[in-house]
Amino acid sequence: MEIWEGILLGLVQGFTEFLPISSSGHLVLVQEIIGTSDDNVLLFDTLLHLATLVAVCVALRKQLLRIIKKPRKPLLMLIVASIPAGIVGLLLSDKIEALFSTTKYLWIFFAISAILLIVSDYIPSRSSEQDQNLPLGSIGMQQAVAMGLMQAVAVLPGISRSGSTIVGGIATQGRRRDVTDFSFLMSIPIILASVLLQTLKIAGGEVALSLPLAATLSGMIAATVSGYLSIKVMLGLVQKCKLKYFGVYLIVLSSIVLLNNFTCWW
């Protein structure tokens, strides 16, 4: 892997991680287009996710500090929301990893994300401002379970984690800003779990720690910076921008990927 490939993939990961368009799907797609040949692509992707974790902690530092000061309810909700994806990851890790090596089914998952985003704009938003001063005030058990289940579905490349979890929160009447903040915070335990899993595989000899250092570090820096910018953009858009526009983009992308299955453009 060349340095320019690492930077490109880092930018793709960072910019798409927090927009509702699936970073994993875009990474798989771009890696196939540019012909990334490194055997440890999944490990590289995990390190890029770790870099975006830094972006989350910096961008949402105020929310994290509020949770630390009043941890009981928000921390419990994060634990509940992380359980479904954790179970799916443990039981189906090999099958999920296989999907990251091909774009054959990517168009289906992009299309599913698009449908979710378009439908979400027709769900009435919560207008109540109660608990506004509490960290993630409108996030209760109902929202945590719904968003957790959606996150479990989003382990598939092409299904947006942020998009699907935000839709789950909105559908259960969470406030858009609370739902968006919580969706981003939900990425923390999932990323840490994936890093732990890769670490265990390295320790067990299943995965070789043989990534090119310069390309990996360049990619992680690019992912951190672009991830931070992506969070800021999404937090600004969530209150006033319709998610269906992202859905339209994914429909176009899904169509292109489907056509490529027959034409082999790349």
C-alpha atoms as a PDB file:
ATOM      1  CA  MET A   1       0.000   0.000   0.000  1.00  0.00           C
ATOM      2  CA  GLU A   2       1.353   3.393  -1.045  1.00  0.00           C
ATOM      3  CA  ILE A   3       1.176   6.531   1.119  1.00  0.00           C
ATOM      4  CA  TRP A   4      -1.300   8.174  -1.259  1.00  0.00           C
ATOM      5  CA  GLU A   5      -3.576   5.141  -0.941  1.00  0.00           C
ATOM      6  CA  GLY A   6      -3.440   5.376   2.854  1.00  0.00           C
ATOM      7  CA  ILE A   7      -4.315   9.075   2.769  1.00  0.00           C
ATOM      8  CA  LEU A   8      -7.144   8.552   0.269  1.00  0.00           C
ATOM      9  CA  LEU A   9      -8.662   5.719   2.282  1.00  0.00           C
ATOM     10  CA  GLY A  10      -8.253   7.738   5.486  1.00  0.00           C
ATOM     11  CA  LEU A  11     -10.133  10.659   3.954  1.00  0.00           C
ATOM     12  CA  VAL A  12     -12.870   8.342   2.699  1.00  0.00           C
ATOM     13  CA  GLN A  13     -13.203   6.734   6.133  1.00  0.00           C
ATOM     14  CA  GLY A  14     -13.243  10.031   8.002  1.00  0.00           C
ATOM     15  CA  PHE A  15     -15.660  11.912   5.784  1.00  0.00           C
ATOM     16  CA  THR A  16     -18.120   9.026   5.393  1.00  0.00           C
ATOM     17  CA  GLU A  17     -18.040   7.602   8.948  1.00  0.00           C
ATOM     18  CA  PHE A  18     -20.358  10.239  10.388  1.00  0.00           C
ATOM     19  CA  LEU A  19     -22.384  11.085   7.319  1.00  0.00           C
ATOM     20  CA  PRO A  20     -25.259   8.612   6.804  1.00  0.00           C
ATOM     21  CA  ILE A  21     -23.751   6.990   3.711  1.00  0.00           C
ATOM     22  CA  SER A  22     -21.713   4.047   5.129  1.00  0.00           C
ATOM     23  CA  SER A  23     -17.973   4.393   5.598  1.00  0.00           C
ATOM     24  CA  SER A  24     -17.457   0.630   5.404  1.00  0.00           C
ATOM     25  CA  GLY A  25     -19.247   0.428   2.068  1.00  0.00           C
ATOM     26  CA  HIS A  26     -17.251   3.317   0.639  1.00  0.00           C
ATOM     27  CA  LEU A  27     -13.979   1.811   1.881  1.00  0.00           C
ATOM     28  CA  VAL A  28     -14.726  -1.540   0.239  1.00  0.00           C
ATOM     29  CA  LEU A  29     -15.716   0.239  -2.980  1.00  0.00           C
ATOM     30  CA  VAL A  30     -12.687   2.560  -3.134  1.00  0.00           C
ATOM     31  CA  GLN A  31     -10.282  -0.257  -2.217  1.00  0.00           C
ATOM     32  CA  GLU A  32     -11.564  -2.308  -5.133  1.00  0.00           C
ATOM     33  CA  ILE A  33     -11.454   0.637  -7.561  1.00  0.00           C
ATOM     34  CA  ILE A  34      -7.843   1.572  -6.753  1.00  0.00           C
ATOM     35  CA  GLY A  35      -6.812  -2.058  -6.391  1.00  0.00           C
ATOM     36  CA  THR A  36      -5.488  -2.002  -2.840  1.00  0.00           C
ATOM     37  CA  SER A  37      -3.435  -5.166  -2.618  1.00  0.00           C
ATOM     38  CA  ASP A  38      -2.400  -5.364   1.038  1.00  0.00           C
ATOM     39  CA  ASP A  39      -3.427  -8.635   2.681  1.00  0.00           C
ATOM     40  CA  ASN A  40      -4.286  -6.935   5.974  1.00  0.00           C
ATOM     41  CA  VAL A  41      -6.946  -4.576   4.616  1.00  0.00           C
ATOM     42  CA  LEU A  42      -9.369  -5.370   7.449  1.00  0.00           C
ATOM     43  CA  LEU A  43      -6.711  -4.550  10.064  1.00  0.00           C
ATOM     44  CA  PHE A  44      -5.985  -1.309   8.215  1.00  0.00           C
ATOM     45  CA  ASP A  45      -9.713  -0.464   8.187  1.00  0.00           C
ATOM     46  CA  THR A  46      -9.865  -1.119  11.948  1.00  0.00           C
ATOM     47  CA  LEU A  47      -6.994   1.296  12.542  1.00  0.00           C
ATOM     48  CA  LEU A  48      -8.788   3.920  10.454  1.00  0.00           C
ATOM     49  CA  HIS A  49     -11.844   3.441  12.671  1.00  0.00           C
ATOM     50  CA  LEU A  50      -9.597   3.874  15.698  1.00  0.00           C
ATOM     51  CA  ALA A  51      -8.463   7.192  14.216  1.00  0.00           C
ATOM     52  CA  THR A  52     -12.069   8.347  13.856  1.00  0.00           C
ATOM     53  CA  LEU A  53     -12.573   7.396  17.507  1.00  0.00           C
ATOM     54  CA  VAL A  54     -10.107  10.171  18.339  1.00  0.00           C
ATOM     55  CA  ALA A  55     -12.224  12.542  16.238  1.00  0.00           C
ATOM     56  CA  VAL A  56     -15.366  11.552  18.170  1.00  0.00           C
ATOM     57  CA  CYS A  57     -13.718  12.139  21.535  1.00  0.00           C
ATOM     58  CA  VAL A  58     -12.442  15.565  20.499  1.00  0.00           C
ATOM     59  CA  ALA A  59     -15.613  16.745  18.724  1.00  0.00           C
ATOM     60  CA  LEU A  60     -17.966  15.495  21.458  1.00  0.00           C
ATOM     61  CA  ARG A  61     -15.720  16.227  24.436  1.00  0.00           C
ATOM     62  CA  LYS A  62     -18.389  18.379  26.114  1.00  0.00           C
ATOM     63  CA  GLN A  63     -20.974  15.603  25.881  1.00  0.00           C
ATOM     64  CA  LEU A  64     -18.434  13.066  27.169  1.00  0.00           C
ATOM     65  CA  LEU A  65     -17.595  15.287  30.138  1.00  0.00           C
ATOM     66  CA  ARG A  66     -21.295  15.663  30.944  1.00  0.00           C
ATOM     67  CA  ILE A  67     -21.699  11.902  30.840  1.00  0.00           C
ATOM     68  CA  ILE A  68     -18.688  11.452  33.132  1.00  0.00           C
ATOM     69  CA  LYS A  69     -20.248  13.883  35.610  1.00  0.00           C
ATOM     70  CA  LYS A  70     -23.684  12.212  35.403  1.00  0.00           C
ATOM     71  CA  PRO A  71     -22.823   8.745  34.086  1.00  0.00           C
ATOM     72  CA  ARG A  72     -25.614   6.519  35.345  1.00  0.00           C
ATOM     73  CA  LYS A  73     -28.321   6.771  32.678  1.00  0.00           C
ATOM     74  CA  PRO A  74     -26.200   7.658  29.591  1.00  0.00           C
ATOM     75  CA  LEU A  75     -23.634   4.957  30.336  1.00  0.00           C
ATOM     76  CA  LEU A  76     -26.347   2.350  30.835  1.00  0.00           C
ATOM     77  CA  MET A  77     -27.962   3.362  27.536  1.00  0.00           C
ATOM     78  CA  LEU A  78     -24.620   3.047  25.719  1.00  0.00           C
ATOM     79  CA  ILE A  79     -24.102  -0.439  27.162  1.00  0.00           C
ATOM     80  CA  VAL A  80     -27.614  -1.519  26.133  1.00  0.00           C
ATOM     81  CA  ALA A  81     -27.175  -0.068  22.638  1.00  0.00           C
ATOM     82  CA  SER A  82     -23.857  -1.888  22.143  1.00  0.00           C
ATOM     83  CA  ILE A  83     -25.101  -5.381  23.006  1.00  0.00           C
ATOM     84  CA  PRO A  84     -26.859  -6.321  19.712  1.00  0.00           C
ATOM     85  CA  ALA A  85     -23.900  -5.435  17.474  1.00  0.00           C
ATOM     86  CA  GLY A  86     -21.556  -7.183  19.894  1.00  0.00           C
ATOM     87  CA  ILE A  87     -23.569 -10.397  19.681  1.00  0.00           C
ATOM     88  CA  VAL A  88     -23.789 -10.259  15.872  1.00  0.00           C
ATOM     89  CA  GLY A  89     -20.069  -9.543  15.617  1.00  0.00           C
ATOM     90  CA  LEU A  90     -19.135 -12.504  17.789  1.00  0.00           C
ATOM     91  CA  LEU A  91     -21.473 -14.998  16.129  1.00  0.00           C
ATOM     92  CA  LEU A  92     -21.044 -13.959  12.494  1.00  0.00           C
ATOM     93  CA  SER A  93     -17.582 -12.361  12.369  1.00  0.00           C
ATOM     94  CA  ASP A  94     -16.197 -14.685   9.655  1.00  0.00           C
ATOM     95  CA  LYS A  95     -19.208 -14.251   7.368  1.00  0.00           C
ATOM     96  CA  ILE A  96     -19.201 -10.490   7.867  1.00  0.00           C
ATOM     97  CA  GLU A  97     -15.472 -10.274   7.126  1.00  0.00           C
ATOM     98  CA  ALA A  98     -16.051 -12.156   3.865  1.00  0.00           C
ATOM     99  CA  LEU A  99     -18.437  -9.419   2.721  1.00  0.00           C
ATOM    100  CA  PHE A 100     -15.632  -6.867   3.066  1.00  0.00           C
ATOM    101  CA  SER A 101     -13.674  -8.574   0.307  1.00  0.00           C
ATOM    102  CA  THR A 102     -16.234  -8.068  -2.467  1.00  0.00           C
ATOM    103  CA  THR A 103     -18.538  -5.416  -3.900  1.00  0.00           C
ATOM    104  CA  LYS A 104     -20.942  -8.010  -5.326  1.00  0.00           C
ATOM    105  CA  TYR A 105     -23.682  -7.374  -2.763  1.00  0.00           C
ATOM    106  CA  LEU A 106     -22.761  -3.786  -1.942  1.00  0.00           C
ATOM    107  CA  TRP A 107     -25.512  -2.330  -4.120  1.00  0.00           C
ATOM    108  CA  ILE A 108     -28.156  -4.130  -2.030  1.00  0.00           C
ATOM    109  CA  PHE A 109     -26.846  -2.701   1.235  1.00  0.00           C
ATOM    110  CA  PHE A 110     -26.522   0.820  -0.204  1.00  0.00           C
ATOM    111  CA  ALA A 111     -30.138   0.545  -1.372  1.00  0.00           C
ATOM    112  CA  ILE A 112     -31.299  -0.556   2.098  1.00  0.00           C
ATOM    113  CA  SER A 113     -29.558   2.458   3.638  1.00  0.00           C
ATOM    114  CA  ALA A 114     -31.193   4.733   1.083  1.00  0.00           C
ATOM    115  CA  ILE A 115     -34.671   3.414   1.879  1.00  0.00           C
ATOM    116  CA  LEU A 116     -34.126   3.889   5.616  1.00  0.00           C
ATOM    117  CA  LEU A 117     -32.979   7.481   5.144  1.00  0.00           C
ATOM    118  CA  ILE A 118     -35.825   8.405   2.817  1.00  0.00           C
ATOM    119  CA  VAL A 119     -38.458   6.863   5.096  1.00  0.00           C
ATOM    120  CA  SER A 120     -37.010   8.651   8.138  1.00  0.00           C
ATOM    121  CA  ASP A 121     -37.993  12.062   6.772  1.00  0.00           C
ATOM    122  CA  TYR A 122     -41.642  11.066   6.983  1.00  0.00           C
ATOM    123  CA  ILE A 123     -41.442  10.156  10.678  1.00  0.00           C
ATOM    124  CA  PRO A 124     -42.811  12.965  12.898  1.00  0.00           C
ATOM    125  CA  SER A 125     -40.037  14.563  14.968  1.00  0.00           C
ATOM    126  CA  ARG A 126     -40.308  14.915  18.726  1.00  0.00           C
ATOM    127  CA  SER A 127     -41.126  18.460  19.741  1.00  0.00           C
ATOM    128  CA  SER A 128     -40.951  18.057  23.522  1.00  0.00           C
ATOM    129  CA  GLU A 129     -37.969  19.765  25.155  1.00  0.00           C
ATOM    130  CA  GLN A 130     -38.162  18.028  28.528  1.00  0.00           C
ATOM    131  CA  ASP A 131     -34.871  16.832  30.002  1.00  0.00           C
ATOM    132  CA  GLN A 132     -33.050  19.236  27.680  1.00  0.00           C
ATOM    133  CA  ASN A 133     -30.433  20.035  30.314  1.00  0.00           C
ATOM    134  CA  LEU A 134     -29.584  16.394  30.957  1.00  0.00           C
ATOM    135  CA  PRO A 135     -26.902  14.700  28.853  1.00  0.00           C
ATOM    136  CA  LEU A 136     -28.705  12.941  25.974  1.00  0.00           C
ATOM    137  CA  GLY A 137     -31.952  13.784  27.745  1.00  0.00           C
ATOM    138  CA  SER A 138     -34.394  12.194  25.283  1.00  0.00           C
ATOM    139  CA  ILE A 139     -32.446   8.914  25.033  1.00  0.00           C
ATOM    140  CA  GLY A 140     -34.172   6.248  27.093  1.00  0.00           C
ATOM    141  CA  MET A 141     -34.380   2.477  26.960  1.00  0.00           C
ATOM    142  CA  GLN A 142     -36.650   2.512  23.917  1.00  0.00           C
ATOM    143  CA  GLN A 143     -34.236   4.618  21.897  1.00  0.00           C
ATOM    144  CA  ALA A 144     -31.182   2.656  23.091  1.00  0.00           C
ATOM    145  CA  VAL A 145     -32.699  -0.699  22.096  1.00  0.00           C
ATOM    146  CA  ALA A 146     -33.910   0.544  18.704  1.00  0.00           C
ATOM    147  CA  MET A 147     -30.602   2.207  17.876  1.00  0.00           C
ATOM    148  CA  GLY A 148     -28.689  -0.825  19.120  1.00  0.00           C
ATOM    149  CA  LEU A 149     -30.656  -3.154  16.856  1.00  0.00           C
ATOM    150  CA  MET A 150     -30.073  -0.855  13.900  1.00  0.00           C
ATOM    151  CA  GLN A 151     -26.360  -0.763  14.680  1.00  0.00           C
ATOM    152  CA  ALA A 152     -26.314  -4.569  14.624  1.00  0.00           C
ATOM    153  CA  VAL A 153     -27.730  -4.498  11.099  1.00  0.00           C
ATOM    154  CA  ALA A 154     -25.133  -1.893  10.111  1.00  0.00           C
ATOM    155  CA  VAL A 155     -22.204  -4.274  10.644  1.00  0.00           C
ATOM    156  CA  LEU A 156     -22.786  -5.102   6.966  1.00  0.00           C
ATOM    157  CA  PRO A 157     -20.699  -3.000   4.542  1.00  0.00           C
ATOM    158  CA  GLY A 158     -22.922  -0.520   2.748  1.00  0.00           C
ATOM    159  CA  ILE A 159     -25.476  -0.093   5.520  1.00  0.00           C
ATOM    160  CA  SER A 160     -24.722   3.184   7.227  1.00  0.00           C
ATOM    161  CA  ARG A 161     -24.114   2.854  10.967  1.00  0.00           C
ATOM    162  CA  SER A 162     -24.780   6.511  11.713  1.00  0.00           C
ATOM    163  CA  GLY A 163     -27.712   6.678   9.302  1.00  0.00           C
ATOM    164  CA  SER A 164     -29.472   3.543  10.520  1.00  0.00           C
ATOM    165  CA  THR A 165     -28.992   4.346  14.217  1.00  0.00           C
ATOM    166  CA  ILE A 166     -30.232   7.917  13.735  1.00  0.00           C
ATOM    167  CA  VAL A 167     -33.294   6.551  11.943  1.00  0.00           C
ATOM    168  CA  GLY A 168     -33.883   4.126  14.845  1.00  0.00           C
ATOM    169  CA  GLY A 169     -33.684   6.963  17.348  1.00  0.00           C
ATOM    170  CA  ILE A 170     -35.982   9.255  15.376  1.00  0.00           C
ATOM    171  CA  ALA A 171     -38.504   6.430  14.884  1.00  0.00           C
ATOM    172  CA  THR A 172     -38.739   6.007  18.664  1.00  0.00           C
ATOM    173  CA  GLN A 173     -39.266   9.748  19.174  1.00  0.00           C
ATOM    174  CA  GLY A 174     -35.805  10.778  20.280  1.00  0.00           C
ATOM    175  CA  ARG A 175     -34.824  14.382  19.611  1.00  0.00           C
ATOM    176  CA  ARG A 176     -32.679  14.688  16.492  1.00  0.00           C
ATOM    177  CA  ARG A 177     -29.700  16.325  18.219  1.00  0.00           C
ATOM    178  CA  ASP A 178     -29.744  13.827  21.115  1.00  0.00           C
ATOM    179  CA  VAL A 179     -30.089  10.935  18.681  1.00  0.00           C
ATOM    180  CA  THR A 180     -27.193  12.186  16.540  1.00  0.00           C
ATOM    181  CA  ASP A 181     -24.898  12.727  19.536  1.00  0.00           C
ATOM    182  CA  PHE A 182     -25.801   9.298  20.896  1.00  0.00           C
ATOM    183  CA  SER A 183     -25.228   7.675  17.498  1.00  0.00           C
ATOM    184  CA  PHE A 184     -21.712   9.099  17.355  1.00  0.00           C
ATOM    185  CA  LEU A 185     -21.001   8.076  20.963  1.00  0.00           C
ATOM    186  CA  MET A 186     -22.227   4.552  20.164  1.00  0.00           C
ATOM    187  CA  SER A 187     -19.276   4.214  17.809  1.00  0.00           C
ATOM    188  CA  ILE A 188     -16.840   4.311  20.748  1.00  0.00           C
ATOM    189  CA  PRO A 189     -17.523   0.861  22.288  1.00  0.00           C
ATOM    190  CA  ILE A 190     -17.946  -0.736  18.854  1.00  0.00           C
ATOM    191  CA  ILE A 191     -14.616   0.601  17.608  1.00  0.00           C
ATOM    192  CA  LEU A 192     -12.879  -0.417  20.829  1.00  0.00           C
ATOM    193  CA  ALA A 193     -14.382  -3.915  20.515  1.00  0.00           C
ATOM    194  CA  SER A 194     -13.178  -4.269  16.909  1.00  0.00           C
ATOM    195  CA  VAL A 195      -9.683  -3.123  17.914  1.00  0.00           C
ATOM    196  CA  LEU A 196      -9.682  -5.656  20.763  1.00  0.00           C
ATOM    197  CA  LEU A 197     -10.793  -8.409  18.381  1.00  0.00           C
ATOM    198  CA  GLN A 198      -8.020  -7.595  15.909  1.00  0.00           C
ATOM    199  CA  THR A 199      -5.502  -7.467  18.781  1.00  0.00           C
ATOM    200  CA  LEU A 200      -6.551 -10.941  19.925  1.00  0.00           C
ATOM    201  CA  LYS A 201      -6.212 -12.249  16.362  1.00  0.00           C
ATOM    202  CA  ILE A 202      -2.723 -10.768  16.119  1.00  0.00           C
ATOM    203  CA  ALA A 203      -1.788 -12.333  19.468  1.00  0.00           C
ATOM    204  CA  GLY A 204      -3.176 -15.672  18.286  1.00  0.00           C
ATOM    205  CA  GLY A 205      -1.290 -15.540  15.006  1.00  0.00           C
ATOM    206  CA  GLU A 206      -4.451 -15.292  12.881  1.00  0.00           C
ATOM    207  CA  VAL A 207      -3.520 -11.845  11.588  1.00  0.00           C
ATOM    208  CA  ALA A 208       0.014 -10.678  10.784  1.00  0.00           C
ATOM    209  CA  LEU A 209       1.016  -7.217  11.949  1.00  0.00           C
ATOM    210  CA  SER A 210       2.631  -6.281   8.653  1.00  0.00           C
ATOM    211  CA  LEU A 211       1.043  -3.040   7.510  1.00  0.00           C
ATOM    212  CA  PRO A 212       3.230  -0.379   5.826  1.00  0.00           C
ATOM    213  CA  LEU A 213       3.955   2.128   8.596  1.00  0.00           C
ATOM    214  CA  ALA A 214       4.024   5.358   6.559  1.00  0.00           C
ATOM    215  CA  ALA A 215       0.804   4.605   4.667  1.00  0.00           C
ATOM    216  CA  THR A 216      -0.979   3.493   7.850  1.00  0.00           C
ATOM    217  CA  LEU A 217       0.013   6.551   9.881  1.00  0.00           C
ATOM    218  CA  SER A 218      -0.842   8.886   6.989  1.00  0.00           C
ATOM    219  CA  GLY A 219      -4.242   7.235   6.644  1.00  0.00           C
ATOM    220  CA  MET A 220      -4.961   7.485  10.377  1.00  0.00           C
ATOM    221  CA  ILE A 221      -4.079  11.188  10.471  1.00  0.00           C
ATOM    222  CA  ALA A 222      -6.268  11.840   7.432  1.00  0.00           C
ATOM    223  CA  ALA A 223      -9.132   9.867   9.019  1.00  0.00           C
ATOM    224  CA  THR A 224      -8.878  11.804  12.292  1.00  0.00           C
ATOM    225  CA  VAL A 225      -8.951  15.231  10.653  1.00  0.00           C
ATOM    226  CA  SER A 226     -11.658  14.411   8.116  1.00  0.00           C
ATOM    227  CA  GLY A 227     -13.689  12.561  10.760  1.00  0.00           C
ATOM    228  CA  TYR A 228     -13.687  15.639  12.993  1.00  0.00           C
ATOM    229  CA  LEU A 229     -14.860  17.814  10.094  1.00  0.00           C
ATOM    230  CA  SER A 230     -17.516  15.240   9.183  1.00  0.00           C
ATOM    231  CA  ILE A 231     -18.951  15.277  12.709  1.00  0.00           C
ATOM    232  CA  LYS A 232     -19.167  19.066  12.695  1.00  0.00           C
ATOM    233  CA  VAL A 233     -20.879  19.031   9.304  1.00  0.00           C
ATOM    234  CA  MET A 234     -23.374  16.356  10.335  1.00  0.00           C
ATOM    235  CA  LEU A 235     -24.265  18.076  13.608  1.00  0.00           C
ATOM    236  CA  GLY A 236     -25.003  21.216  11.621  1.00  0.00           C
ATOM    237  CA  LEU A 237     -27.061  19.391   9.006  1.00  0.00           C
ATOM    238  CA  VAL A 238     -29.138  17.143  11.257  1.00  0.00           C
ATOM    239  CA  GLN A 239     -31.490  19.891  12.432  1.00  0.00           C
ATOM    240  CA  LYS A 240     -32.209  21.403   9.038  1.00  0.00           C
ATOM    241  CA  CYS A 241     -31.219  18.968   6.288  1.00  0.00           C
ATOM    242  CA  LYS A 242     -33.436  16.170   5.050  1.00  0.00           C
ATOM    243  CA  LEU A 243     -31.807  12.756   5.286  1.00  0.00           C
ATOM    244  CA  LYS A 244     -33.565  11.738   2.080  1.00  0.00           C
ATOM    245  CA  TYR A 245     -30.966  13.685   0.080  1.00  0.00           C
ATOM    246  CA  PHE A 246     -28.308  11.303   1.356  1.00  0.00           C
ATOM    247  CA  GLY A 247     -30.707   8.524   0.411  1.00  0.00           C
ATOM    248  CA  VAL A 248     -30.881   9.800  -3.164  1.00  0.00           C
ATOM    249  CA  TYR A 249     -27.072   9.793  -3.321  1.00  0.00           C
ATOM    250  CA  LEU A 250     -27.011   6.178  -2.122  1.00  0.00           C
ATOM    251  CA  ILE A 251     -29.589   5.148  -4.725  1.00  0.00           C
ATOM    252  CA  VAL A 252     -27.357   6.582  -7.455  1.00  0.00           C
ATOM    253  CA  LEU A 253     -24.306   4.868  -5.945  1.00  0.00           C
ATOM    254  CA  SER A 254     -26.203   1.588  -5.601  1.00  0.00           C
ATOM    255  CA  SER A 255     -27.178   1.753  -9.274  1.00  0.00           C
ATOM    256  CA  ILE A 256     -23.563   2.368 -10.327  1.00  0.00           C
ATOM    257  CA  VAL A 257     -22.310  -0.581  -8.274  1.00  0.00           C
ATOM    258  CA  LEU A 258     -25.049  -2.827  -9.683  1.00  0.00           C
ATOM    259  CA  LEU A 259     -24.147  -1.838 -13.255  1.00  0.00           C
ATOM    260  CA  ASN A 260     -20.504  -2.544 -12.528  1.00  0.00           C
ATOM    261  CA  ASN A 261     -21.434  -6.100 -11.557  1.00  0.00           C
ATOM    262  CA  PHE A 262     -22.404  -6.612 -15.185  1.00  0.00           C
ATOM    263  CA  THR A 263     -19.955  -4.312 -16.974  1.00  0.00           C
ATOM    264  CA  CYS A 264     -16.789  -4.562 -14.809  1.00  0.00           C
ATOM    265  CA  TRP A 265     -15.889  -0.879 -15.171  1.00  0.00           C
ATOM    266  CA  TRP A 266     -13.232  -1.254 -12.479  1.00  0.00           C
END
